[in-house]
PDB file of N, CA and C in Angstrom:
ATOM      1  N   MET A   1     -28.446  74.477  43.722  1.00  0.00           N
ATOM      2  CA  MET A   1     -26.972  74.285  43.454  1.00  0.00           C
ATOM      3  C   MET A   1     -26.095  73.119  42.791  1.00  0.00           C
ATOM      4  N   PHE A   2     -26.655  72.168  43.673  1.00  0.00           N
ATOM      5  CA  PHE A   2     -26.140  70.575  43.138  1.00  0.00           C
ATOM      6  C   PHE A   2     -26.440  70.645  41.530  1.00  0.00           C
ATOM      7  N   VAL A   3     -27.826  70.888  41.010  1.00  0.00           N
ATOM      8  CA  VAL A   3     -28.259  70.725  39.838  1.00  0.00           C
ATOM      9  C   VAL A   3     -27.275  71.596  38.699  1.00  0.00           C
ATOM     10  N   VAL A   4     -26.791  72.987  39.110  1.00  0.00           N
ATOM     11  CA  VAL A   4     -25.882  73.961  38.564  1.00  0.00           C
ATOM     12  C   VAL A   4     -24.531  72.991  38.146  1.00  0.00           C
ATOM     13  N   SER A   5     -24.232  72.605  39.143  1.00  0.00           N
ATOM     14  CA  SER A   5     -22.585  71.696  39.288  1.00  0.00           C
ATOM     15  C   SER A   5     -22.982  70.745  38.577  1.00  0.00           C
ATOM     16  N   VAL A   6     -23.703  69.649  38.526  1.00  0.00           N
ATOM     17  CA  VAL A   6     -23.747  68.678  37.564  1.00  0.00           C
ATOM     18  C   VAL A   6     -24.297  69.175  35.967  1.00  0.00           C
ATOM     19  N   PHE A   7     -24.839  70.276  35.773  1.00  0.00           N
ATOM     20  CA  PHE A   7     -24.858  70.461  34.747  1.00  0.00           C
ATOM     21  C   PHE A   7     -23.536  71.257  33.875  1.00  0.00           C
ATOM     22  N   PHE A   8     -22.864  71.856  34.609  1.00  0.00           N
ATOM     23  CA  PHE A   8     -21.673  72.218  34.167  1.00  0.00           C
ATOM     24  C   PHE A   8     -20.527  71.302  33.914  1.00  0.00           C
ATOM     25  N   ILE A   9     -20.519  70.238  35.079  1.00  0.00           N
ATOM     26  CA  ILE A   9     -19.802  69.014  34.438  1.00  0.00           C
ATOM     27  C   ILE A   9     -19.942  68.339  33.672  1.00  0.00           C
ATOM     28  N   ILE A  10     -21.282  68.158  33.086  1.00  0.00           N
ATOM     29  CA  ILE A  10     -21.863  67.614  31.909  1.00  0.00           C
ATOM     30  C   ILE A  10     -21.351  68.260  30.779  1.00  0.00           C
ATOM     31  N   VAL A  11     -21.282  69.708  30.410  1.00  0.00           N
ATOM     32  CA  VAL A  11     -20.951  70.425  29.307  1.00  0.00           C
ATOM     33  C   VAL A  11     -19.500  70.368  29.103  1.00  0.00           C
ATOM     34  N   ALA A  12     -18.913  70.716  30.778  1.00  0.00           N
ATOM     35  CA  ALA A  12     -17.217  70.464  30.393  1.00  0.00           C
ATOM     36  C   ALA A  12     -17.013  69.068  29.951  1.00  0.00           C
ATOM     37  N   LEU A  13     -17.552  67.849  30.395  1.00  0.00           N
ATOM     38  CA  LEU A  13     -17.310  66.421  29.745  1.00  0.00           C
ATOM     39  C   LEU A  13     -17.465  66.748  28.170  1.00  0.00           C
ATOM     40  N   ILE A  14     -18.510  66.990  27.733  1.00  0.00           N
ATOM     41  CA  ILE A  14     -19.044  67.289  26.240  1.00  0.00           C
ATOM     42  C   ILE A  14     -18.022  67.666  25.559  1.00  0.00           C
ATOM     43  N   ILE A  15     -17.487  69.289  26.006  1.00  0.00           N
ATOM     44  CA  ILE A  15     -16.426  69.931  25.234  1.00  0.00           C
ATOM     45  C   ILE A  15     -14.900  68.867  25.389  1.00  0.00           C
ATOM     46  N   LEU A  16     -14.665  68.387  26.433  1.00  0.00           N
ATOM     47  CA  LEU A  16     -13.563  67.746  26.633  1.00  0.00           C
ATOM     48  C   LEU A  16     -13.253  66.460  25.555  1.00  0.00           C
ATOM     49  N   ALA A  17     -14.574  65.706  25.474  1.00  0.00           N
ATOM     50  CA  ALA A  17     -14.906  64.622  24.196  1.00  0.00           C
ATOM     51  C   ALA A  17     -14.585  65.269  23.164  1.00  0.00           C
ATOM     52  N   LEU A  18     -15.004  66.796  22.704  1.00  0.00           N
ATOM     53  CA  LEU A  18     -14.750  67.121  21.430  1.00  0.00           C
ATOM     54  C   LEU A  18     -13.697  67.428  21.026  1.00  0.00           C
ATOM     55  N   VAL A  19     -13.038  68.176  22.086  1.00  0.00           N
ATOM     56  CA  VAL A  19     -11.509  68.418  22.048  1.00  0.00           C
ATOM     57  C   VAL A  19     -10.518  67.421  21.638  1.00  0.00           C
ATOM     58  N   LEU A  20     -10.878  66.014  22.554  1.00  0.00           N
ATOM     59  CA  LEU A  20      -9.982  64.903  22.180  1.00  0.00           C
ATOM     60  C   LEU A  20     -10.193  64.459  20.956  1.00  0.00           C
ATOM     61  N   GLU A  21     -11.418  64.488  20.412  1.00  0.00           N
ATOM     62  CA  GLU A  21     -11.850  63.829  19.257  1.00  0.00           C
ATOM     63  C   GLU A  21     -10.985  64.538  18.018  1.00  0.00           C
ATOM     64  N   ARG A  22     -10.968  66.073  18.137  1.00  0.00           N
ATOM     65  CA  ARG A  22     -10.334  66.708  17.276  1.00  0.00           C
ATOM     66  C   ARG A  22      -8.548  66.519  17.414  1.00  0.00           C
ATOM     67  N   SER A  23      -8.244  66.218  18.411  1.00  0.00           N
ATOM     68  CA  SER A  23      -6.776  66.697  18.608  1.00  0.00           C
ATOM     69  C   SER A  23      -5.940  65.214  18.204  1.00  0.00           C
ATOM     70  N   PRO A  24      -4.555  65.430  17.450  1.00  0.00           N
ATOM     71  CA  PRO A  24      -3.907  64.483  16.602  1.00  0.00           C
ATOM     72  C   PRO A  24      -3.477  63.218  17.607  1.00  0.00           C
ATOM     73  N   ARG A  25      -3.664  62.024  17.412  1.00  0.00           N
ATOM     74  CA  ARG A  25      -2.989  61.106  18.396  1.00  0.00           C
ATOM     75  C   ARG A  25      -1.758  60.626  17.839  1.00  0.00           C
ATOM     76  N   LYS A  26      -0.731  60.235  18.552  1.00  0.00           N
ATOM     77  CA  LYS A  26       0.497  59.698  18.175  1.00  0.00           C
ATOM     78  C   LYS A  26       0.386  58.197  17.627  1.00  0.00           C
ATOM     79  N   HIS A  27      -0.439  57.375  18.307  1.00  0.00           N
ATOM     80  CA  HIS A  27      -0.929  55.773  17.926  1.00  0.00           C
ATOM     81  C   HIS A  27      -2.029  55.948  17.625  1.00  0.00           C
ATOM     82  N   SER A  28      -2.588  56.852  16.963  1.00  0.00           N
ATOM     83  CA  SER A  28      -4.352  56.408  16.415  1.00  0.00           C
ATOM     84  C   SER A  28      -4.464  55.399  15.497  1.00  0.00           C
ATOM     85  N   ARG A  29      -5.579  54.641  15.680  1.00  0.00           N
ATOM     86  CA  ARG A  29      -5.829  53.664  14.679  1.00  0.00           C
ATOM     87  C   ARG A  29      -6.551  54.597  13.441  1.00  0.00           C
ATOM     88  N   THR A  30      -6.675  53.514  12.390  1.00  0.00           N
ATOM     89  CA  THR A  30      -7.617  54.000  11.157  1.00  0.00           C
ATOM     90  C   THR A  30      -8.883  54.159  11.616  1.00  0.00           C
ATOM     91  N   ARG A  31      -9.414  53.575  12.190  1.00  0.00           N
ATOM     92  CA  ARG A  31     -10.739  53.287  12.645  1.00  0.00           C
ATOM     93  C   ARG A  31     -11.184  54.766  13.391  1.00  0.00           C
ATOM     94  N   GLU A  32     -12.422  55.238  12.209  1.00  0.00           N
ATOM     95  CA  GLU A  32     -12.676  56.385  13.175  1.00  0.00           C
ATOM     96  C   GLU A  32     -13.536  56.335  14.693  1.00  0.00           C
ATOM     97  N   GLN A  33     -13.552  56.827  15.578  1.00  0.00           N
ATOM     98  CA  GLN A  33     -13.985  57.106  16.833  1.00  0.00           C
ATOM     99  C   GLN A  33     -15.307  58.229  16.911  1.00  0.00           C
ATOM    100  N   LYS A  34     -16.484  57.780  17.369  1.00  0.00           N
ATOM    101  CA  LYS A  34     -17.595  58.531  17.167  1.00  0.00           C
ATOM    102  C   LYS A  34     -17.989  59.060  18.391  1.00  0.00           C
ATOM    103  N   ILE A  35     -18.537  60.189  18.874  1.00  0.00           N
ATOM    104  CA  ILE A  35     -19.208  60.537  20.121  1.00  0.00           C
ATOM    105  C   ILE A  35     -20.122  60.117  20.264  1.00  0.00           C
ATOM    106  N   ASP A  36     -20.793  59.298  21.495  1.00  0.00           N
ATOM    107  CA  ASP A  36     -22.326  58.863  21.962  1.00  0.00           C
ATOM    108  C   ASP A  36     -23.099  59.976  22.071  1.00  0.00           C
ATOM    109  N   LEU A  37     -24.102  60.648  21.395  1.00  0.00           N
ATOM    110  CA  LEU A  37     -24.921  61.596  21.397  1.00  0.00           C
ATOM    111  C   LEU A  37     -26.035  61.182  21.918  1.00  0.00           C
ATOM    112  N   GLY A  38     -25.946  59.981  22.180  1.00  0.00           N
ATOM    113  CA  GLY A  38     -27.403  59.709  23.375  1.00  0.00           C
ATOM    114  C   GLY A  38     -28.714  60.147  22.110  1.00  0.00           C
ATOM    115  N   ASN A  39     -29.880  60.281  22.973  1.00  0.00           N
ATOM    116  CA  ASN A  39     -30.926  60.573  22.271  1.00  0.00           C
ATOM    117  C   ASN A  39     -30.915  61.943  21.863  1.00  0.00           C
ATOM    118  N   ILE A  40     -31.306  62.425  20.380  1.00  0.00           N
ATOM    119  CA  ILE A  40     -31.591  63.505  20.022  1.00  0.00           C
ATOM    120  C   ILE A  40     -32.607  63.959  19.574  1.00  0.00           C
ATOM    121  N   ARG A  41     -33.372  65.020  20.538  1.00  0.00           N
ATOM    122  CA  ARG A  41     -34.469  65.642  20.235  1.00  0.00           C
ATOM    123  C   ARG A  41     -34.596  67.164  19.751  1.00  0.00           C
ATOM    124  N   PHE A  42     -35.797  67.168  19.315  1.00  0.00           N
ATOM    125  CA  PHE A  42     -36.008  68.535  18.929  1.00  0.00           C
ATOM    126  C   PHE A  42     -36.937  69.012  19.399  1.00  0.00           C
ATOM    127  N   THR A  43     -36.771  70.474  19.977  1.00  0.00           N
ATOM    128  CA  THR A  43     -38.080  71.461  20.458  1.00  0.00           C
ATOM    129  C   THR A  43     -38.962  71.688  19.182  1.00  0.00           C
ATOM    130  N   PRO A  44     -39.951  72.022  19.375  1.00  0.00           N
ATOM    131  CA  PRO A  44     -41.195  72.344  18.443  1.00  0.00           C
ATOM    132  C   PRO A  44     -40.515  73.581  17.905  1.00  0.00           C
ATOM    133  N   HIS A  45     -39.766  74.342  17.941  1.00  0.00           N
ATOM    134  CA  HIS A  45     -39.444  75.511  17.457  1.00  0.00           C
ATOM    135  C   HIS A  45     -38.419  75.369  16.439  1.00  0.00           C
ATOM    136  N   ALA A  46     -37.869  74.450  16.995  1.00  0.00           N
ATOM    137  CA  ALA A  46     -36.478  73.905  16.088  1.00  0.00           C
ATOM    138  C   ALA A  46     -37.071  73.003  14.708  1.00  0.00           C
ATOM    139  N   LEU A  47     -37.956  72.248  14.926  1.00  0.00           N
ATOM    140  CA  LEU A  47     -38.729  71.899  14.297  1.00  0.00           C
ATOM    141  C   LEU A  47     -39.404  72.534  13.367  1.00  0.00           C
ATOM    142  N   GLN A  48     -39.842  73.646  13.666  1.00  0.00           N
ATOM    143  CA  GLN A  48     -40.901  74.502  12.731  1.00  0.00           C
ATOM    144  C   GLN A  48     -39.764  75.382  11.801  1.00  0.00           C
ATOM    145  N   ARG A  49     -38.303  75.605  12.321  1.00  0.00           N
ATOM    146  CA  ARG A  49     -37.372  76.289  11.689  1.00  0.00           C
ATOM    147  C   ARG A  49     -36.957  75.573  10.456  1.00  0.00           C
ATOM    148  N   LEU A  50     -36.327  74.178  11.132  1.00  0.00           N
ATOM    149  CA  LEU A  50     -36.020  73.217   9.995  1.00  0.00           C
ATOM    150  C   LEU A  50     -36.869  73.267   8.666  1.00  0.00           C
ATOM    151  N   ASN A  51     -38.266  73.137   8.962  1.00  0.00           N
ATOM    152  CA  ASN A  51     -39.139  73.017   7.950  1.00  0.00           C
ATOM    153  C   ASN A  51     -39.157  74.542   7.310  1.00  0.00           C
ATOM    154  N   GLU A  52     -39.234  75.829   8.044  1.00  0.00           N
ATOM    155  CA  GLU A  52     -38.988  76.935   7.315  1.00  0.00           C
ATOM    156  C   GLU A  52     -37.757  76.903   6.368  1.00  0.00           C
ATOM    157  N   ARG A  53     -36.770  76.197   6.673  1.00  0.00           N
ATOM    158  CA  ARG A  53     -35.260  76.739   6.111  1.00  0.00           C
ATOM    159  C   ARG A  53     -34.928  75.722   5.202  1.00  0.00           C
ATOM    160  N   GLY A  54     -35.769  74.563   5.109  1.00  0.00           N
ATOM    161  CA  GLY A  54     -35.108  73.373   4.169  1.00  0.00           C
ATOM    162  C   GLY A  54     -34.412  72.431   4.766  1.00  0.00           C
ATOM    163  N   ILE A  55     -34.031  72.207   5.958  1.00  0.00           N
ATOM    164  CA  ILE A  55     -32.988  71.717   6.751  1.00  0.00           C
ATOM    165  C   ILE A  55     -33.389  70.486   7.242  1.00  0.00           C
ATOM    166  N   SER A  56     -32.580  69.152   7.272  1.00  0.00           N
ATOM    167  CA  SER A  56     -33.239  67.718   7.435  1.00  0.00           C
ATOM    168  C   SER A  56     -32.791  67.415   8.949  1.00  0.00           C
ATOM    169  N   THR A  57     -33.094  66.687   9.646  1.00  0.00           N
ATOM    170  CA  THR A  57     -32.964  66.353  11.144  1.00  0.00           C
ATOM    171  C   THR A  57     -31.951  66.025  10.631  1.00  0.00           C
ATOM    172  N   GLU A  58     -31.591  64.838   9.565  1.00  0.00           N
ATOM    173  CA  GLU A  58     -30.008  64.144   9.355  1.00  0.00           C
ATOM    174  C   GLU A  58     -29.029  65.159   9.378  1.00  0.00           C
ATOM    175  N   THR A  59     -29.086  66.108   8.744  1.00  0.00           N
ATOM    176  CA  THR A  59     -28.059  67.374   8.528  1.00  0.00           C
ATOM    177  C   THR A  59     -27.842  67.807   9.605  1.00  0.00           C
ATOM    178  N   VAL A  60     -28.643  68.097  10.712  1.00  0.00           N
ATOM    179  CA  VAL A  60     -28.491  68.449  12.017  1.00  0.00           C
ATOM    180  C   VAL A  60     -27.276  67.509  12.831  1.00  0.00           C
ATOM    181  N   ILE A  61     -27.959  66.271  12.786  1.00  0.00           N
ATOM    182  CA  ILE A  61     -27.214  65.696  13.345  1.00  0.00           C
ATOM    183  C   ILE A  61     -25.710  65.261  12.694  1.00  0.00           C
ATOM    184  N   ASN A  62     -25.462  65.028  11.567  1.00  0.00           N
ATOM    185  CA  ASN A  62     -23.985  65.050  10.824  1.00  0.00           C
ATOM    186  C   ASN A  62     -23.505  65.975  11.418  1.00  0.00           C
ATOM    187  N   VAL A  63     -23.845  67.626  11.538  1.00  0.00           N
ATOM    188  CA  VAL A  63     -23.362  68.521  12.055  1.00  0.00           C
ATOM    189  C   VAL A  63     -22.799  68.303  13.406  1.00  0.00           C
ATOM    190  N   ILE A  64     -23.895  68.128  14.222  1.00  0.00           N
ATOM    191  CA  ILE A  64     -23.448  67.704  15.741  1.00  0.00           C
ATOM    192  C   ILE A  64     -22.386  66.799  15.772  1.00  0.00           C
ATOM    193  N   SER A  65     -22.287  65.767  14.732  1.00  0.00           N
ATOM    194  CA  SER A  65     -21.579  64.961  15.260  1.00  0.00           C
ATOM    195  C   SER A  65     -20.127  64.917  14.354  1.00  0.00           C
ATOM    196  N   ASP A  66     -19.910  66.176  13.636  1.00  0.00           N
ATOM    197  CA  ASP A  66     -18.504  65.974  12.785  1.00  0.00           C
ATOM    198  C   ASP A  66     -17.500  66.720  13.663  1.00  0.00           C
ATOM    199  N   PRO A  67     -16.570  65.974  14.159  1.00  0.00           N
ATOM    200  CA  PRO A  67     -15.699  66.423  14.898  1.00  0.00           C
ATOM    201  C   PRO A  67     -14.940  67.994  14.363  1.00  0.00           C
ATOM    202  N   SER A  68     -15.145  68.436  13.277  1.00  0.00           N
ATOM    203  CA  SER A  68     -14.505  69.593  12.195  1.00  0.00           C
ATOM    204  C   SER A  68     -15.422  70.669  12.199  1.00  0.00           C
ATOM    205  N   SER A  69     -16.825  70.390  12.893  1.00  0.00           N
ATOM    206  CA  SER A  69     -17.730  71.657  13.500  1.00  0.00           C
ATOM    207  C   SER A  69     -17.059  72.368  14.395  1.00  0.00           C
ATOM    208  N   GLN A  70     -17.185  73.549  14.391  1.00  0.00           N
ATOM    209  CA  GLN A  70     -16.457  74.505  15.569  1.00  0.00           C
ATOM    210  C   GLN A  70     -17.939  74.604  16.885  1.00  0.00           C
ATOM    211  N   ALA A  71     -17.124  74.259  17.703  1.00  0.00           N
ATOM    212  CA  ALA A  71     -18.573  74.397  19.109  1.00  0.00           C
ATOM    213  C   ALA A  71     -17.945  75.141  20.013  1.00  0.00           C
ATOM    214  N   THR A  72     -19.026  76.215  20.651  1.00  0.00           N
ATOM    215  CA  THR A  72     -18.985  76.772  21.867  1.00  0.00           C
ATOM    216  C   THR A  72     -20.149  77.094  22.564  1.00  0.00           C
ATOM    217  N   ILE A  73     -19.687  77.051  24.087  1.00  0.00           N
ATOM    218  CA  ILE A  73     -20.514  77.164  24.873  1.00  0.00           C
ATOM    219  C   ILE A  73     -20.987  78.780  25.422  1.00  0.00           C
ATOM    220  N   GLU A  74     -22.294  78.909  24.915  1.00  0.00           N
ATOM    221  CA  GLU A  74     -22.599  80.271  25.232  1.00  0.00           C
ATOM    222  C   GLU A  74     -23.094  80.904  26.585  1.00  0.00           C
ATOM    223  N   GLU A  75     -23.428  82.061  26.953  1.00  0.00           N
ATOM    224  CA  GLU A  75     -23.502  82.342  28.228  1.00  0.00           C
ATOM    225  C   GLU A  75     -24.511  81.586  28.973  1.00  0.00           C
ATOM    226  N   ASN A  76     -25.323  81.187  28.183  1.00  0.00           N
ATOM    227  CA  ASN A  76     -26.774  80.415  29.039  1.00  0.00           C
ATOM    228  C   ASN A  76     -26.642  79.142  29.202  1.00  0.00           C
ATOM    229  N   GLY A  77     -25.269  78.314  28.799  1.00  0.00           N
ATOM    230  CA  GLY A  77     -25.081  76.975  28.955  1.00  0.00           C
ATOM    231  C   GLY A  77     -25.425  76.360  27.558  1.00  0.00           C
ATOM    232  N   ASN A  78     -26.262  77.026  26.634  1.00  0.00           N
ATOM    233  CA  ASN A  78     -26.163  76.392  25.388  1.00  0.00           C
ATOM    234  C   ASN A  78     -25.152  76.209  24.412  1.00  0.00           C
ATOM    235  N   ILE A  79     -25.106  75.162  23.540  1.00  0.00           N
ATOM    236  CA  ILE A  79     -23.690  74.869  22.829  1.00  0.00           C
ATOM    237  C   ILE A  79     -24.257  75.177  21.542  1.00  0.00           C
ATOM    238  N   ARG A  80     -23.132  75.878  20.790  1.00  0.00           N
ATOM    239  CA  ARG A  80     -23.546  76.384  19.608  1.00  0.00           C
ATOM    240  C   ARG A  80     -22.587  75.669  18.531  1.00  0.00           C
ATOM    241  N   VAL A  81     -22.940  74.922  17.785  1.00  0.00           N
ATOM    242  CA  VAL A  81     -22.152  73.903  16.728  1.00  0.00           C
ATOM    243  C   VAL A  81     -22.212  74.847  15.310  1.00  0.00           C
ATOM    244  N   GLN A  82     -21.070  74.967  14.530  1.00  0.00           N
ATOM    245  CA  GLN A  82     -21.081  75.801  12.993  1.00  0.00           C
ATOM    246  C   GLN A  82     -20.388  74.797  12.362  1.00  0.00           C
ATOM    247  N   LYS A  83     -20.934  74.682  10.921  1.00  0.00           N
ATOM    248  CA  LYS A  83     -19.971  74.240  10.111  1.00  0.00           C
ATOM    249  C   LYS A  83     -20.857  74.473   8.956  1.00  0.00           C
ATOM    250  N   ALA A  84     -19.896  74.966   7.869  1.00  0.00           N
ATOM    251  CA  ALA A  84     -20.495  75.617   6.704  1.00  0.00           C
ATOM    252  C   ALA A  84     -21.646  76.734   6.616  1.00  0.00           C
ATOM    253  N   GLY A  85     -21.550  77.536   7.324  1.00  0.00           N
ATOM    254  CA  GLY A  85     -22.774  78.406   7.295  1.00  0.00           C
ATOM    255  C   GLY A  85     -24.027  77.902   8.373  1.00  0.00           C
ATOM    256  N   LEU A  86     -24.204  76.668   8.587  1.00  0.00           N
ATOM    257  CA  LEU A  86     -25.161  76.193   9.291  1.00  0.00           C
ATOM    258  C   LEU A  86     -24.800  76.183  10.658  1.00  0.00           C
ATOM    259  N   VAL A  87     -25.784  77.045  11.669  1.00  0.00           N
ATOM    260  CA  VAL A  87     -25.662  77.008  12.916  1.00  0.00           C
ATOM    261  C   VAL A  87     -26.723  76.708  13.699  1.00  0.00           C
ATOM    262  N   ILE A  88     -26.098  75.367  14.973  1.00  0.00           N
ATOM    263  CA  ILE A  88     -27.463  74.618  15.608  1.00  0.00           C
ATOM    264  C   ILE A  88     -26.890  75.191  16.953  1.00  0.00           C
ATOM    265  N   ILE A  89     -28.157  75.221  17.542  1.00  0.00           N
ATOM    266  CA  ILE A  89     -28.147  75.795  18.799  1.00  0.00           C
ATOM    267  C   ILE A  89     -28.576  74.707  19.748  1.00  0.00           C
ATOM    268  N   PHE A  90     -27.899  73.812  20.766  1.00  0.00           N
ATOM    269  CA  PHE A  90     -28.611  72.669  21.408  1.00  0.00           C
ATOM    270  C   PHE A  90     -27.972  72.896  23.156  1.00  0.00           C
ATOM    271  N   ARG A  91     -28.704  71.668  23.684  1.00  0.00           N
ATOM    272  CA  ARG A  91     -28.172  71.753  25.454  1.00  0.00           C
ATOM    273  C   ARG A  91     -28.281  70.264  25.459  1.00  0.00           C
ATOM    274  N   LYS A  92     -27.005  69.894  26.438  1.00  0.00           N
ATOM    275  CA  LYS A  92     -27.022  68.876  26.497  1.00  0.00           C
ATOM    276  C   LYS A  92     -27.964  68.444  27.896  1.00  0.00           C
ATOM    277  N   GLU A  93     -28.623  67.137  27.971  1.00  0.00           N
ATOM    278  CA  GLU A  93     -29.338  66.960  29.137  1.00  0.00           C
ATOM    279  C   GLU A  93     -29.117  65.632  29.579  1.00  0.00           C
ATOM    280  N   ILE A  94     -29.290  65.201  30.374  1.00  0.00           N
ATOM    281  CA  ILE A  94     -29.007  63.836  31.187  1.00  0.00           C
ATOM    282  C   ILE A  94     -29.461  62.500  30.152  1.00  0.00           C
ATOM    283  N   ASN A  95     -30.607  62.549  29.605  1.00  0.00           N
ATOM    284  CA  ASN A  95     -31.210  61.615  28.365  1.00  0.00           C
ATOM    285  C   ASN A  95     -30.726  62.094  26.875  1.00  0.00           C
ATOM    286  N   GLY A  96     -29.563  62.740  26.682  1.00  0.00           N
ATOM    287  CA  GLY A  96     -29.293  63.172  25.306  1.00  0.00           C
ATOM    288  C   GLY A  96     -29.088  64.955  25.009  1.00  0.00           C
ATOM    289  N   ILE A  97     -29.594  65.148  23.998  1.00  0.00           N
ATOM    290  CA  ILE A  97     -29.371  66.817  23.505  1.00  0.00           C
ATOM    291  C   ILE A  97     -30.609  67.038  23.013  1.00  0.00           C
ATOM    292  N   LEU A  98     -30.943  68.085  23.252  1.00  0.00           N
ATOM    293  CA  LEU A  98     -32.438  68.910  22.851  1.00  0.00           C
ATOM    294  C   LEU A  98     -31.879  69.624  21.820  1.00  0.00           C
ATOM    295  N   VAL A  99     -32.153  69.858  20.616  1.00  0.00           N
ATOM    296  CA  VAL A  99     -31.693  70.715  19.669  1.00  0.00           C
ATOM    297  C   VAL A  99     -32.653  71.814  19.875  1.00  0.00           C
ATOM    298  N   VAL A 100     -32.112  73.300  19.979  1.00  0.00           N
ATOM    299  CA  VAL A 100     -33.255  74.486  20.615  1.00  0.00           C
ATOM    300  C   VAL A 100     -33.583  75.164  19.317  1.00  0.00           C
ATOM    301  N   THR A 101     -32.942  75.338  18.070  1.00  0.00           N
ATOM    302  CA  THR A 101     -32.815  76.034  17.081  1.00  0.00           C
ATOM    303  C   THR A 101     -31.708  75.872  15.874  1.00  0.00           C
ATOM    304  N   VAL A 102     -31.974  76.210  14.644  1.00  0.00           N
ATOM    305  CA  VAL A 102     -31.147  75.518  13.580  1.00  0.00           C
ATOM    306  C   VAL A 102     -31.391  76.801  12.679  1.00  0.00           C
ATOM    307  N   PHE A 103     -30.245  77.569  12.173  1.00  0.00           N
ATOM    308  CA  PHE A 103     -30.159  78.694  11.294  1.00  0.00           C
ATOM    309  C   PHE A 103     -29.019  78.540  10.325  1.00  0.00           C
ATOM    310  N   ARG A 104     -29.046  79.480   9.236  1.00  0.00           N
ATOM    311  CA  ARG A 104     -27.972  79.689   8.427  1.00  0.00           C
ATOM    312  C   ARG A 104     -27.159  80.935   8.777  1.00  0.00           C
ATOM    313  N   ASP A 105     -26.201  80.892   8.877  1.00  0.00           N
ATOM    314  CA  ASP A 105     -25.553  82.309   9.237  1.00  0.00           C
ATOM    315  C   ASP A 105     -25.019  82.897   7.837  1.00  0.00           C
ATOM    316  N   GLU A 106     -25.692  83.784   7.261  1.00  0.00           N
ATOM    317  CA  GLU A 106     -25.874  84.069   5.812  1.00  0.00           C
ATOM    318  C   GLU A 106     -23.862  84.900   5.672  1.00  0.00           C
ATOM    319  N   ASN A 107     -23.433  85.415   6.751  1.00  0.00           N
ATOM    320  CA  ASN A 107     -21.729  85.850   6.570  1.00  0.00           C
ATOM    321  C   ASN A 107     -20.989  84.918   6.647  1.00  0.00           C
ATOM    322  N   LYS A 108     -21.299  83.286   7.080  1.00  0.00           N
ATOM    323  CA  LYS A 108     -20.197  82.527   6.764  1.00  0.00           C
ATOM    324  C   LYS A 108     -20.255  81.471   5.811  1.00  0.00           C
ATOM    325  N   LYS A 109     -21.341  81.450   4.688  1.00  0.00           N
ATOM    326  CA  LYS A 109     -21.157  80.607   3.548  1.00  0.00           C
ATOM    327  C   LYS A 109     -20.240  80.429   2.994  1.00  0.00           C
TER     328      LYS A 109
END
């Protein structure tokens, strides 16, 4: 039960960070602030899909860290990030982010 509670607190903090990063600030500075993603790892499945679909790990990292990407939390707790037809499913872990899969949403191109 404790582990589940900690997990949801971490997910909530990630969403809060994403929301705060996107919200306009009255006294914002011109310098960009980036979200600390920590260590980004890829499952073997994700690496296979990247290779099959011709998508680079650098592209995935850029989409995850881009504040203009749309992020939602799925029922299983994974985070779904979308931008320009690219969909990335990942989960936040204590030591960083684990990318589960990556695909192109043909309806959103």
